[in-house]
Amino acid sequence: MPQFVIERNIPGLGDMDQQTLKEISAKSNAVVDGLGEPYTWITSYVTGDKMYCVHEAESAEAIYRHAREGGFPADRVTEITGLIGPHSGR
């Protein structure tokens, strides 16, 4: 199944406390459970005012649906077409 990187602009994100981030995570999980289609949240990276998430879904539209239903921004959704790392150069 395709994987996507989602860029979310969320002012003040880096200053949110763990309880608030937990609530955001719980909301995301609830939306995933209610989508009624294959969908997996892989991980998210929190930075200053942005969050970069990796999700697995059948289409970019499913990613946007998750965002709409959860009330999350999805400013850019890009399909991952390859993966490299230190191992790639060996």
N, C-alpha and C. Protein backbone atom coordinates (compact mmCIF):
# COMPACT_ATOMS: atom_id res chain seq x y z
N MET A 1 0.84 -1.17 0.00
CA MET A 1 0.00 0.00 0.00
C MET A 1 0.89 1.24 0.00
N PRO A 2 0.51 2.28 -0.73
CA PRO A 2 1.32 3.49 -0.80
C PRO A 2 1.48 4.17 0.56
N GLN A 3 2.63 4.79 0.75
CA GLN A 3 2.86 5.61 1.94
C GLN A 3 2.98 7.06 1.50
N PHE A 4 2.57 7.96 2.39
CA PHE A 4 2.56 9.38 2.10
C PHE A 4 3.20 10.15 3.24
N VAL A 5 3.88 11.25 2.89
CA VAL A 5 4.35 12.22 3.87
C VAL A 5 3.32 13.35 3.87
N ILE A 6 2.86 13.71 5.06
CA ILE A 6 1.91 14.80 5.21
C ILE A 6 2.59 15.93 5.96
N GLU A 7 2.58 17.12 5.40
CA GLU A 7 3.12 18.29 6.07
C GLU A 7 1.95 19.07 6.65
N ARG A 8 1.99 19.29 7.96
CA ARG A 8 0.93 20.01 8.65
C ARG A 8 1.51 21.26 9.30
N ASN A 9 1.01 22.43 8.95
CA ASN A 9 1.41 23.67 9.58
C ASN A 9 0.51 23.93 10.77
N ILE A 10 1.10 23.92 11.96
CA ILE A 10 0.34 24.09 13.20
C ILE A 10 1.11 25.08 14.08
N PRO A 11 0.77 26.36 14.04
CA PRO A 11 1.48 27.35 14.85
C PRO A 11 1.50 26.94 16.33
N GLY A 12 2.68 27.05 16.94
CA GLY A 12 2.83 26.73 18.36
C GLY A 12 2.95 25.25 18.68
N LEU A 13 2.99 24.42 17.67
CA LEU A 13 3.04 22.98 17.89
C LEU A 13 4.19 22.56 18.80
N GLY A 14 5.36 23.09 18.55
CA GLY A 14 6.54 22.71 19.32
C GLY A 14 6.45 23.06 20.79
N ASP A 15 5.53 23.95 21.14
CA ASP A 15 5.36 24.35 22.53
C ASP A 15 4.23 23.60 23.23
N MET A 16 3.53 22.73 22.52
CA MET A 16 2.42 22.00 23.13
C MET A 16 2.94 20.98 24.14
N ASP A 17 2.20 20.81 25.22
CA ASP A 17 2.61 19.85 26.24
C ASP A 17 2.23 18.43 25.83
N GLN A 18 2.75 17.46 26.55
CA GLN A 18 2.53 16.05 26.21
C GLN A 18 1.05 15.67 26.28
N GLN A 19 0.29 16.26 27.18
CA GLN A 19 -1.14 15.96 27.27
C GLN A 19 -1.88 16.38 26.01
N THR A 20 -1.55 17.57 25.50
CA THR A 20 -2.19 18.05 24.28
C THR A 20 -1.82 17.17 23.10
N LEU A 21 -0.54 16.79 23.01
CA LEU A 21 -0.12 15.90 21.92
C LEU A 21 -0.79 14.54 22.04
N LYS A 22 -1.00 14.07 23.26
CA LYS A 22 -1.70 12.80 23.49
C LYS A 22 -3.14 12.90 22.99
N GLU A 23 -3.79 14.02 23.25
CA GLU A 23 -5.17 14.23 22.80
C GLU A 23 -5.26 14.27 21.28
N ILE A 24 -4.30 14.92 20.64
CA ILE A 24 -4.26 14.96 19.18
C ILE A 24 -4.07 13.55 18.63
N SER A 25 -3.19 12.77 19.25
CA SER A 25 -2.95 11.40 18.82
C SER A 25 -4.20 10.54 18.98
N ALA A 26 -4.89 10.70 20.10
CA ALA A 26 -6.11 9.92 20.34
C ALA A 26 -7.18 10.26 19.30
N LYS A 27 -7.31 11.54 18.95
CA LYS A 27 -8.27 11.95 17.93
C LYS A 27 -7.91 11.33 16.59
N SER A 28 -6.63 11.34 16.23
CA SER A 28 -6.19 10.74 14.98
C SER A 28 -6.51 9.25 14.95
N ASN A 29 -6.23 8.56 16.05
CA ASN A 29 -6.52 7.13 16.13
C ASN A 29 -8.01 6.85 15.96
N ALA A 30 -8.85 7.67 16.58
CA ALA A 30 -10.29 7.48 16.48
C ALA A 30 -10.77 7.68 15.04
N VAL A 31 -10.22 8.68 14.36
CA VAL A 31 -10.60 8.91 12.96
C VAL A 31 -10.15 7.74 12.10
N VAL A 32 -8.93 7.26 12.29
CA VAL A 32 -8.44 6.10 11.53
C VAL A 32 -9.38 4.92 11.73
N ASP A 33 -9.78 4.67 12.97
CA ASP A 33 -10.67 3.55 13.26
C ASP A 33 -12.03 3.68 12.57
N GLY A 34 -12.47 4.92 12.34
CA GLY A 34 -13.77 5.13 11.74
C GLY A 34 -13.77 5.30 10.24
N LEU A 35 -12.63 5.27 9.60
CA LEU A 35 -12.57 5.49 8.15
C LEU A 35 -13.22 4.37 7.35
N GLY A 36 -13.16 3.15 7.86
CA GLY A 36 -13.76 2.04 7.14
C GLY A 36 -12.98 1.61 5.91
N GLU A 37 -11.70 1.92 5.88
CA GLU A 37 -10.84 1.51 4.78
C GLU A 37 -9.43 1.32 5.31
N PRO A 38 -8.60 0.57 4.60
CA PRO A 38 -7.23 0.35 5.07
C PRO A 38 -6.49 1.68 5.24
N TYR A 39 -5.93 1.88 6.42
CA TYR A 39 -5.25 3.13 6.73
C TYR A 39 -4.38 2.89 7.95
N THR A 40 -3.10 3.27 7.86
CA THR A 40 -2.19 3.10 9.00
C THR A 40 -1.40 4.38 9.20
N TRP A 41 -1.41 4.85 10.43
CA TRP A 41 -0.56 5.98 10.82
C TRP A 41 0.76 5.36 11.24
N ILE A 42 1.84 5.66 10.53
CA ILE A 42 3.15 5.07 10.81
C ILE A 42 3.87 5.83 11.91
N THR A 43 4.09 7.13 11.71
CA THR A 43 4.78 7.96 12.70
C THR A 43 4.60 9.42 12.35
N SER A 44 4.93 10.29 13.31
CA SER A 44 4.91 11.73 13.07
C SER A 44 6.10 12.38 13.76
N TYR A 45 6.60 13.43 13.14
CA TYR A 45 7.73 14.19 13.66
C TYR A 45 7.23 15.60 13.98
N VAL A 46 7.39 16.02 15.23
CA VAL A 46 6.96 17.34 15.67
C VAL A 46 8.17 18.28 15.62
N THR A 47 8.01 19.39 14.92
CA THR A 47 9.04 20.42 14.88
C THR A 47 8.36 21.74 15.22
N GLY A 48 9.11 22.80 15.36
CA GLY A 48 8.57 24.11 15.71
C GLY A 48 7.10 24.31 15.43
N ASP A 49 6.75 24.69 14.23
CA ASP A 49 5.37 24.96 13.85
C ASP A 49 4.85 23.98 12.80
N LYS A 50 5.54 22.86 12.64
CA LYS A 50 5.13 21.88 11.64
C LYS A 50 5.18 20.48 12.21
N MET A 51 4.35 19.63 11.63
CA MET A 51 4.39 18.21 11.91
C MET A 51 4.51 17.51 10.56
N TYR A 52 5.41 16.53 10.50
CA TYR A 52 5.57 15.71 9.31
C TYR A 52 5.15 14.30 9.68
N CYS A 53 4.14 13.79 9.01
CA CYS A 53 3.57 12.49 9.33
C CYS A 53 3.78 11.53 8.17
N VAL A 54 3.95 10.27 8.50
CA VAL A 54 3.99 9.22 7.49
C VAL A 54 2.78 8.33 7.73
N HIS A 55 1.93 8.25 6.72
CA HIS A 55 0.73 7.43 6.79
C HIS A 55 0.70 6.51 5.58
N GLU A 56 0.03 5.39 5.75
CA GLU A 56 -0.14 4.41 4.68
C GLU A 56 -1.63 4.37 4.34
N ALA A 57 -1.95 4.57 3.07
CA ALA A 57 -3.35 4.58 2.64
C ALA A 57 -3.41 4.23 1.16
N GLU A 58 -4.61 3.95 0.71
CA GLU A 58 -4.77 3.58 -0.70
C GLU A 58 -4.65 4.77 -1.63
N SER A 59 -4.87 6.00 -1.11
CA SER A 59 -4.82 7.17 -1.98
C SER A 59 -4.58 8.43 -1.16
N ALA A 60 -4.17 9.48 -1.85
CA ALA A 60 -4.02 10.78 -1.20
C ALA A 60 -5.37 11.27 -0.71
N GLU A 61 -6.44 10.95 -1.42
CA GLU A 61 -7.77 11.38 -0.98
C GLU A 61 -8.10 10.81 0.40
N ALA A 62 -7.67 9.58 0.69
CA ALA A 62 -7.90 9.02 2.02
C ALA A 62 -7.15 9.82 3.08
N ILE A 63 -5.97 10.31 2.74
CA ILE A 63 -5.19 11.14 3.67
C ILE A 63 -5.94 12.44 3.94
N TYR A 64 -6.44 13.07 2.89
CA TYR A 64 -7.19 14.32 3.06
C TYR A 64 -8.49 14.07 3.83
N ARG A 65 -9.12 12.95 3.62
CA ARG A 65 -10.34 12.62 4.37
C ARG A 65 -10.03 12.50 5.86
N HIS A 66 -8.95 11.80 6.20
CA HIS A 66 -8.53 11.68 7.60
C HIS A 66 -8.34 13.08 8.19
N ALA A 67 -7.68 13.96 7.46
CA ALA A 67 -7.43 15.32 7.94
C ALA A 67 -8.74 16.08 8.15
N ARG A 68 -9.64 16.01 7.19
CA ARG A 68 -10.92 16.72 7.30
C ARG A 68 -11.71 16.22 8.51
N GLU A 69 -11.82 14.91 8.63
CA GLU A 69 -12.64 14.34 9.71
C GLU A 69 -12.01 14.56 11.08
N GLY A 70 -10.70 14.70 11.13
CA GLY A 70 -10.03 14.93 12.41
C GLY A 70 -9.84 16.39 12.74
N GLY A 71 -10.09 17.26 11.76
CA GLY A 71 -9.86 18.68 11.98
C GLY A 71 -8.39 19.05 11.96
N PHE A 72 -7.59 18.23 11.26
CA PHE A 72 -6.15 18.46 11.16
C PHE A 72 -5.83 19.13 9.83
N PRO A 73 -4.83 20.02 9.80
CA PRO A 73 -4.40 20.53 8.51
C PRO A 73 -3.62 19.44 7.75
N ALA A 74 -3.72 19.48 6.46
CA ALA A 74 -2.89 18.63 5.58
C ALA A 74 -2.47 19.54 4.44
N ASP A 75 -1.44 20.34 4.72
CA ASP A 75 -1.03 21.37 3.78
C ASP A 75 -0.35 20.82 2.54
N ARG A 76 0.32 19.70 2.69
CA ARG A 76 0.96 19.05 1.55
C ARG A 76 0.96 17.55 1.80
N VAL A 77 0.49 16.80 0.81
CA VAL A 77 0.49 15.34 0.86
C VAL A 77 1.27 14.85 -0.34
N THR A 78 2.33 14.09 -0.06
CA THR A 78 3.22 13.62 -1.13
C THR A 78 3.43 12.12 -0.97
N GLU A 79 3.22 11.39 -2.06
CA GLU A 79 3.46 9.95 -2.02
C GLU A 79 4.96 9.67 -1.95
N ILE A 80 5.33 8.74 -1.12
CA ILE A 80 6.73 8.31 -0.99
C ILE A 80 7.02 7.34 -2.14
N THR A 81 8.04 7.64 -2.92
CA THR A 81 8.36 6.80 -4.07
C THR A 81 9.65 6.01 -3.88
N GLY A 82 10.35 6.26 -2.79
CA GLY A 82 11.59 5.53 -2.51
C GLY A 82 12.04 5.82 -1.10
N LEU A 83 12.94 5.01 -0.64
CA LEU A 83 13.47 5.16 0.71
C LEU A 83 14.97 4.90 0.66
N ILE A 84 15.75 5.85 1.19
CA ILE A 84 17.19 5.67 1.25
C ILE A 84 17.66 5.99 2.66
N GLY A 85 18.83 5.55 2.98
CA GLY A 85 19.45 5.81 4.28
C GLY A 85 20.90 5.39 4.21
N PRO A 86 21.58 5.34 5.35
CA PRO A 86 22.98 4.95 5.35
C PRO A 86 23.22 3.60 4.68
N HIS A 87 22.25 2.71 4.84
CA HIS A 87 22.39 1.38 4.24
C HIS A 87 22.41 1.42 2.71
N SER A 88 21.80 2.46 2.13
CA SER A 88 21.72 2.55 0.67
C SER A 88 23.09 2.73 0.02
N GLY A 89 24.02 3.33 0.75
CA GLY A 89 25.34 3.61 0.20
C GLY A 89 26.33 2.48 0.40
N ARG A 90 25.91 1.41 1.01
CA ARG A 90 26.84 0.30 1.25
C ARG A 90 26.76 -0.74 0.17
